[in-house]
Amino acid sequence: MKVRAASVSFPAGGQIDANVLLSISSGFHVNANPATFSYLIATEVTPGKAEGISAGKPGYPGAVKKKFQFAEQPLAVYEGEILIKLPLRAEKNAATGPRSLPIAVRVQACDDEKCFPPATVNAAIAVEVK
């Protein structure tokens, strides 16, 4: 799985949604957020810290319901490429200039027969305060 984030630029005191793109390899899926059952590991984006920037609650896309051999009920999953929106806000007194906002994306990848141990993929969003 790959994680990419488009760079964003916005003024101090402003806000914008950053786009976090997950590319899930063909033949695999990850659990949606929210996951179908509490014991499943939901896909989760956790923002780190960047000076003058605060992050809101990520907006997860709708899931695809699929039936797998290992589960009695269809599961809510993501496949292919999915877009997660991460709301960002720059403090009114944020210094202008570029910075990097680290993000961690926790997923549990599965194929049609089994699931693999949960993993965290680290990436960063390039943020510029104007």
N, C-alpha and C. Protein backbone atom coordinates (compact mmCIF):
# COMPACT_ATOMS: atom_id res chain seq x y z
N MET A 1 0.84 -1.17 0.00
CA MET A 1 0.00 0.00 0.00
C MET A 1 0.89 1.23 0.00
N LYS A 2 0.46 2.24 -0.73
CA LYS A 2 1.19 3.51 -0.77
C LYS A 2 0.28 4.62 -0.27
N VAL A 3 0.90 5.61 0.36
CA VAL A 3 0.18 6.79 0.85
C VAL A 3 0.83 8.02 0.24
N ARG A 4 -0.01 8.88 -0.35
CA ARG A 4 0.47 10.15 -0.89
C ARG A 4 -0.44 11.25 -0.38
N ALA A 5 0.13 12.42 -0.22
CA ALA A 5 -0.67 13.57 0.20
C ALA A 5 -0.29 14.76 -0.66
N ALA A 6 -1.31 15.42 -1.20
CA ALA A 6 -1.08 16.60 -2.01
C ALA A 6 -0.65 17.75 -1.11
N SER A 7 0.26 18.59 -1.61
CA SER A 7 0.68 19.76 -0.82
C SER A 7 -0.46 20.77 -0.77
N VAL A 8 -0.49 21.56 0.29
CA VAL A 8 -1.53 22.57 0.47
C VAL A 8 -0.88 23.90 0.82
N SER A 9 -1.56 24.97 0.46
CA SER A 9 -1.10 26.31 0.76
C SER A 9 -2.31 27.15 1.13
N PHE A 10 -2.23 27.85 2.28
CA PHE A 10 -3.35 28.66 2.72
C PHE A 10 -2.86 29.71 3.70
N PRO A 11 -3.63 30.77 3.90
CA PRO A 11 -3.17 31.87 4.75
C PRO A 11 -3.30 31.57 6.24
N ALA A 12 -2.52 32.30 7.04
CA ALA A 12 -2.65 32.22 8.49
C ALA A 12 -4.09 32.55 8.85
N GLY A 13 -4.66 31.80 9.78
CA GLY A 13 -6.05 31.97 10.16
C GLY A 13 -7.02 31.25 9.24
N GLY A 14 -6.51 30.64 8.18
CA GLY A 14 -7.37 29.96 7.20
C GLY A 14 -7.45 28.47 7.47
N GLN A 15 -8.28 27.80 6.66
CA GLN A 15 -8.40 26.36 6.76
C GLN A 15 -8.55 25.77 5.37
N ILE A 16 -8.20 24.49 5.27
CA ILE A 16 -8.25 23.79 3.99
C ILE A 16 -8.34 22.30 4.27
N ASP A 17 -8.90 21.53 3.34
CA ASP A 17 -8.87 20.07 3.44
C ASP A 17 -7.68 19.56 2.66
N ALA A 18 -6.81 18.82 3.35
CA ALA A 18 -5.70 18.15 2.67
C ALA A 18 -6.21 16.81 2.16
N ASN A 19 -5.75 16.40 0.97
CA ASN A 19 -6.15 15.13 0.39
C ASN A 19 -5.07 14.08 0.65
N VAL A 20 -5.47 13.01 1.33
CA VAL A 20 -4.58 11.88 1.58
C VAL A 20 -5.07 10.73 0.72
N LEU A 21 -4.22 10.28 -0.20
CA LEU A 21 -4.62 9.23 -1.15
C LEU A 21 -3.96 7.91 -0.77
N LEU A 22 -4.78 6.89 -0.56
CA LEU A 22 -4.27 5.54 -0.30
C LEU A 22 -4.40 4.73 -1.58
N SER A 23 -3.30 4.12 -1.99
CA SER A 23 -3.31 3.23 -3.16
C SER A 23 -3.13 1.80 -2.64
N ILE A 24 -4.19 1.02 -2.75
CA ILE A 24 -4.20 -0.35 -2.24
C ILE A 24 -3.95 -1.29 -3.41
N SER A 25 -2.96 -2.16 -3.26
CA SER A 25 -2.57 -3.07 -4.34
C SER A 25 -3.74 -3.94 -4.78
N SER A 26 -3.75 -4.25 -6.07
CA SER A 26 -4.79 -5.10 -6.65
C SER A 26 -4.81 -6.45 -5.93
N GLY A 27 -6.01 -6.94 -5.65
CA GLY A 27 -6.16 -8.23 -4.97
C GLY A 27 -6.20 -8.10 -3.45
N PHE A 28 -6.03 -6.88 -2.94
CA PHE A 28 -6.04 -6.65 -1.50
C PHE A 28 -7.13 -5.64 -1.15
N HIS A 29 -7.49 -5.61 0.11
CA HIS A 29 -8.41 -4.61 0.63
C HIS A 29 -7.98 -4.27 2.05
N VAL A 30 -8.47 -3.15 2.56
CA VAL A 30 -8.26 -2.78 3.96
C VAL A 30 -9.64 -2.50 4.55
N ASN A 31 -9.75 -2.64 5.86
CA ASN A 31 -11.03 -2.37 6.51
C ASN A 31 -11.35 -0.89 6.43
N ALA A 32 -12.63 -0.60 6.24
CA ALA A 32 -13.09 0.79 6.15
C ALA A 32 -13.08 1.42 7.54
N ASN A 33 -13.37 2.70 7.57
CA ASN A 33 -13.55 3.42 8.83
C ASN A 33 -14.92 4.05 8.79
N PRO A 34 -15.87 3.59 9.62
CA PRO A 34 -15.68 2.59 10.67
C PRO A 34 -15.64 1.17 10.09
N ALA A 35 -14.97 0.27 10.82
CA ALA A 35 -14.92 -1.14 10.40
C ALA A 35 -16.26 -1.80 10.71
N THR A 36 -16.53 -2.91 10.05
CA THR A 36 -17.80 -3.61 10.23
C THR A 36 -17.98 -4.11 11.66
N PHE A 37 -16.91 -4.64 12.24
CA PHE A 37 -16.96 -5.16 13.61
C PHE A 37 -15.86 -4.50 14.45
N SER A 38 -16.10 -4.39 15.75
CA SER A 38 -15.14 -3.71 16.63
C SER A 38 -13.79 -4.41 16.70
N TYR A 39 -13.74 -5.71 16.43
CA TYR A 39 -12.47 -6.44 16.51
C TYR A 39 -11.62 -6.27 15.24
N LEU A 40 -12.18 -5.68 14.19
CA LEU A 40 -11.41 -5.43 12.97
C LEU A 40 -10.66 -4.11 13.09
N ILE A 41 -9.50 -4.05 12.48
CA ILE A 41 -8.66 -2.84 12.52
C ILE A 41 -9.12 -1.90 11.41
N ALA A 42 -9.72 -0.79 11.81
CA ALA A 42 -10.19 0.20 10.82
C ALA A 42 -9.01 1.00 10.27
N THR A 43 -9.13 1.45 9.03
CA THR A 43 -8.14 2.35 8.46
C THR A 43 -8.22 3.66 9.23
N GLU A 44 -7.06 4.18 9.66
CA GLU A 44 -7.08 5.38 10.48
C GLU A 44 -5.90 6.29 10.15
N VAL A 45 -6.20 7.55 9.88
CA VAL A 45 -5.18 8.57 9.64
C VAL A 45 -4.99 9.35 10.94
N THR A 46 -3.75 9.42 11.41
CA THR A 46 -3.42 10.17 12.62
C THR A 46 -2.39 11.23 12.26
N PRO A 47 -2.76 12.51 12.38
CA PRO A 47 -1.80 13.57 12.07
C PRO A 47 -0.83 13.78 13.22
N GLY A 48 0.39 14.17 12.87
CA GLY A 48 1.39 14.53 13.87
C GLY A 48 1.30 16.03 14.15
N LYS A 49 2.41 16.62 14.49
CA LYS A 49 2.45 18.04 14.86
C LYS A 49 3.28 18.83 13.83
N ALA A 50 2.82 20.03 13.55
CA ALA A 50 3.57 20.99 12.74
C ALA A 50 3.28 22.37 13.32
N GLU A 51 4.29 23.18 13.44
CA GLU A 51 4.16 24.49 14.08
C GLU A 51 3.07 25.34 13.43
N GLY A 52 2.13 25.81 14.26
CA GLY A 52 1.09 26.71 13.78
C GLY A 52 -0.04 26.05 13.03
N ILE A 53 -0.04 24.71 12.95
CA ILE A 53 -1.06 23.97 12.20
C ILE A 53 -1.79 23.02 13.13
N SER A 54 -3.12 22.98 13.02
CA SER A 54 -3.89 21.97 13.76
C SER A 54 -4.73 21.19 12.75
N ALA A 55 -4.93 19.93 13.06
CA ALA A 55 -5.69 19.05 12.17
C ALA A 55 -6.99 18.65 12.84
N GLY A 56 -8.05 18.56 12.05
CA GLY A 56 -9.35 18.12 12.54
C GLY A 56 -9.52 16.62 12.34
N LYS A 57 -10.76 16.20 12.46
CA LYS A 57 -11.11 14.77 12.31
C LYS A 57 -11.11 14.40 10.84
N PRO A 58 -10.38 13.33 10.47
CA PRO A 58 -10.35 12.92 9.06
C PRO A 58 -11.74 12.54 8.55
N GLY A 59 -12.00 12.82 7.29
CA GLY A 59 -13.24 12.44 6.63
C GLY A 59 -12.99 11.23 5.75
N TYR A 60 -13.55 10.10 6.13
CA TYR A 60 -13.32 8.85 5.41
C TYR A 60 -14.40 8.65 4.35
N PRO A 61 -14.03 8.04 3.22
CA PRO A 61 -15.04 7.81 2.17
C PRO A 61 -15.97 6.66 2.52
N GLY A 62 -17.03 6.55 1.75
CA GLY A 62 -17.94 5.42 1.91
C GLY A 62 -17.24 4.13 1.56
N ALA A 63 -17.67 3.05 2.15
CA ALA A 63 -17.03 1.75 1.96
C ALA A 63 -17.75 0.94 0.89
N VAL A 64 -17.06 -0.09 0.43
CA VAL A 64 -17.64 -1.11 -0.44
C VAL A 64 -17.94 -2.30 0.46
N LYS A 65 -19.13 -2.89 0.32
CA LYS A 65 -19.47 -4.09 1.10
C LYS A 65 -19.13 -5.32 0.26
N LYS A 66 -18.27 -6.18 0.80
CA LYS A 66 -17.87 -7.38 0.07
C LYS A 66 -17.94 -8.60 0.97
N LYS A 67 -18.27 -9.72 0.36
CA LYS A 67 -18.35 -11.00 1.07
C LYS A 67 -17.05 -11.76 0.85
N PHE A 68 -16.47 -12.26 1.94
CA PHE A 68 -15.22 -13.02 1.87
C PHE A 68 -15.43 -14.38 2.52
N GLN A 69 -14.58 -15.35 2.12
CA GLN A 69 -14.70 -16.71 2.65
C GLN A 69 -14.54 -16.76 4.16
N PHE A 70 -13.71 -15.88 4.72
CA PHE A 70 -13.39 -15.94 6.14
C PHE A 70 -14.41 -15.22 7.03
N ALA A 71 -15.44 -14.62 6.45
CA ALA A 71 -16.43 -13.90 7.26
C ALA A 71 -17.84 -14.30 6.85
N GLU A 72 -18.72 -14.41 7.84
CA GLU A 72 -20.10 -14.80 7.54
C GLU A 72 -20.89 -13.67 6.90
N GLN A 73 -20.62 -12.43 7.29
CA GLN A 73 -21.33 -11.28 6.75
C GLN A 73 -20.42 -10.48 5.82
N PRO A 74 -21.01 -9.73 4.88
CA PRO A 74 -20.19 -8.83 4.07
C PRO A 74 -19.47 -7.81 4.95
N LEU A 75 -18.27 -7.45 4.56
CA LEU A 75 -17.47 -6.51 5.33
C LEU A 75 -17.34 -5.18 4.58
N ALA A 76 -17.23 -4.09 5.35
CA ALA A 76 -17.03 -2.75 4.78
C ALA A 76 -15.53 -2.57 4.56
N VAL A 77 -15.15 -2.44 3.29
CA VAL A 77 -13.72 -2.36 2.95
C VAL A 77 -13.45 -1.23 1.95
N TYR A 78 -12.16 -0.93 1.81
CA TYR A 78 -11.68 -0.04 0.76
C TYR A 78 -10.79 -0.86 -0.17
N GLU A 79 -10.90 -0.57 -1.46
CA GLU A 79 -10.06 -1.21 -2.46
C GLU A 79 -9.59 -0.15 -3.45
N GLY A 80 -8.51 -0.45 -4.15
CA GLY A 80 -8.03 0.47 -5.20
C GLY A 80 -7.49 1.75 -4.59
N GLU A 81 -7.94 2.88 -5.12
CA GLU A 81 -7.50 4.17 -4.60
C GLU A 81 -8.64 4.84 -3.83
N ILE A 82 -8.34 5.30 -2.63
CA ILE A 82 -9.35 5.99 -1.84
C ILE A 82 -8.78 7.33 -1.37
N LEU A 83 -9.67 8.28 -1.20
CA LEU A 83 -9.29 9.63 -0.80
C LEU A 83 -9.85 9.94 0.58
N ILE A 84 -8.97 10.31 1.50
CA ILE A 84 -9.36 10.71 2.84
C ILE A 84 -9.08 12.21 2.97
N LYS A 85 -10.06 12.94 3.45
CA LYS A 85 -9.92 14.39 3.63
C LYS A 85 -9.49 14.68 5.07
N LEU A 86 -8.42 15.47 5.21
CA LEU A 86 -7.93 15.84 6.53
C LEU A 86 -8.02 17.36 6.67
N PRO A 87 -8.98 17.86 7.47
CA PRO A 87 -9.12 19.31 7.62
C PRO A 87 -7.94 19.90 8.40
N LEU A 88 -7.35 20.95 7.83
CA LEU A 88 -6.23 21.64 8.47
C LEU A 88 -6.60 23.09 8.73
N ARG A 89 -6.06 23.62 9.80
CA ARG A 89 -6.28 25.03 10.13
C ARG A 89 -4.94 25.63 10.52
N ALA A 90 -4.68 26.84 10.02
CA ALA A 90 -3.47 27.57 10.41
C ALA A 90 -3.87 28.58 11.48
N GLU A 91 -3.10 28.62 12.55
CA GLU A 91 -3.36 29.59 13.61
C GLU A 91 -3.24 31.00 13.04
N LYS A 92 -3.96 31.95 13.64
CA LYS A 92 -3.94 33.34 13.15
C LYS A 92 -2.56 33.94 13.19
N ASN A 93 -1.75 33.51 14.16
CA ASN A 93 -0.40 34.06 14.28
C ASN A 93 0.67 33.10 13.76
N ALA A 94 0.27 32.12 12.93
CA ALA A 94 1.22 31.15 12.38
C ALA A 94 2.24 31.87 11.50
N ALA A 95 3.51 31.51 11.65
CA ALA A 95 4.55 32.08 10.82
C ALA A 95 4.36 31.64 9.37
N THR A 96 4.64 32.54 8.44
CA THR A 96 4.54 32.16 7.03
C THR A 96 5.71 31.26 6.67
N GLY A 97 5.51 30.47 5.62
CA GLY A 97 6.56 29.59 5.14
C GLY A 97 6.14 28.14 5.11
N PRO A 98 7.02 27.30 4.55
CA PRO A 98 6.70 25.88 4.42
C PRO A 98 6.99 25.10 5.69
N ARG A 99 6.28 24.01 5.86
CA ARG A 99 6.53 23.07 6.94
C ARG A 99 5.98 21.71 6.50
N SER A 100 6.31 20.70 7.25
CA SER A 100 5.88 19.34 6.93
C SER A 100 5.03 18.81 8.08
N LEU A 101 3.83 18.35 7.76
CA LEU A 101 2.94 17.75 8.76
C LEU A 101 3.00 16.24 8.60
N PRO A 102 3.61 15.54 9.57
CA PRO A 102 3.66 14.08 9.46
C PRO A 102 2.28 13.47 9.68
N ILE A 103 2.02 12.39 8.98
CA ILE A 103 0.78 11.62 9.18
C ILE A 103 1.15 10.14 9.25
N ALA A 104 0.37 9.42 10.03
CA ALA A 104 0.52 7.97 10.13
C ALA A 104 -0.81 7.36 9.70
N VAL A 105 -0.75 6.37 8.83
CA VAL A 105 -1.95 5.70 8.35
C VAL A 105 -1.87 4.24 8.80
N ARG A 106 -2.79 3.86 9.69
CA ARG A 106 -2.82 2.49 10.21
C ARG A 106 -3.84 1.69 9.41
N VAL A 107 -3.40 0.55 8.89
CA VAL A 107 -4.27 -0.31 8.09
C VAL A 107 -4.01 -1.77 8.43
N GLN A 108 -4.98 -2.58 8.07
CA GLN A 108 -4.77 -4.03 8.08
C GLN A 108 -5.17 -4.52 6.70
N ALA A 109 -4.17 -4.93 5.94
CA ALA A 109 -4.41 -5.42 4.58
C ALA A 109 -4.81 -6.89 4.62
N CYS A 110 -5.74 -7.24 3.73
CA CYS A 110 -6.21 -8.62 3.62
C CYS A 110 -6.34 -8.96 2.14
N ASP A 111 -6.22 -10.25 1.83
CA ASP A 111 -6.60 -10.70 0.50
C ASP A 111 -7.91 -11.47 0.66
N ASP A 112 -8.29 -12.28 -0.31
CA ASP A 112 -9.58 -12.97 -0.24
C ASP A 112 -9.60 -14.10 0.79
N GLU A 113 -8.43 -14.50 1.31
CA GLU A 113 -8.39 -15.64 2.21
C GLU A 113 -7.91 -15.32 3.62
N LYS A 114 -7.02 -14.34 3.74
CA LYS A 114 -6.44 -14.08 5.06
C LYS A 114 -6.09 -12.61 5.23
N CYS A 115 -5.89 -12.23 6.49
CA CYS A 115 -5.47 -10.87 6.81
C CYS A 115 -4.04 -10.89 7.33
N PHE A 116 -3.34 -9.84 7.08
CA PHE A 116 -1.96 -9.70 7.51
C PHE A 116 -1.92 -8.84 8.77
N PRO A 117 -0.81 -8.87 9.52
CA PRO A 117 -0.74 -8.04 10.73
C PRO A 117 -0.94 -6.57 10.40
N PRO A 118 -1.53 -5.81 11.31
CA PRO A 118 -1.71 -4.38 11.07
C PRO A 118 -0.36 -3.69 10.84
N ALA A 119 -0.38 -2.65 10.04
CA ALA A 119 0.84 -1.91 9.74
C ALA A 119 0.53 -0.42 9.75
N THR A 120 1.56 0.37 9.99
CA THR A 120 1.44 1.81 9.93
C THR A 120 2.34 2.33 8.83
N VAL A 121 1.76 3.11 7.92
CA VAL A 121 2.51 3.71 6.83
C VAL A 121 2.65 5.19 7.15
N ASN A 122 3.89 5.67 7.17
CA ASN A 122 4.14 7.07 7.48
C ASN A 122 4.31 7.89 6.21
N ALA A 123 3.79 9.10 6.24
CA ALA A 123 3.91 10.03 5.11
C ALA A 123 3.91 11.43 5.69
N ALA A 124 3.90 12.43 4.81
CA ALA A 124 3.87 13.81 5.28
C ALA A 124 3.10 14.66 4.28
N ILE A 125 2.48 15.71 4.79
CA ILE A 125 1.79 16.68 3.95
C ILE A 125 2.64 17.96 3.94
N ALA A 126 3.01 18.40 2.75
CA ALA A 126 3.75 19.65 2.63
C ALA A 126 2.73 20.81 2.77
N VAL A 127 2.94 21.63 3.80
CA VAL A 127 2.01 22.73 4.12
C VAL A 127 2.76 24.04 4.00
N GLU A 128 2.16 24.99 3.30
CA GLU A 128 2.74 26.33 3.26
C GLU A 128 1.72 27.33 3.78
N VAL A 129 2.16 28.11 4.75
CA VAL A 129 1.32 29.19 5.26
C VAL A 129 1.76 30.45 4.55
N LYS A 130 0.80 31.13 3.90
CA LYS A 130 1.11 32.33 3.11
C LYS A 130 1.08 33.57 3.97
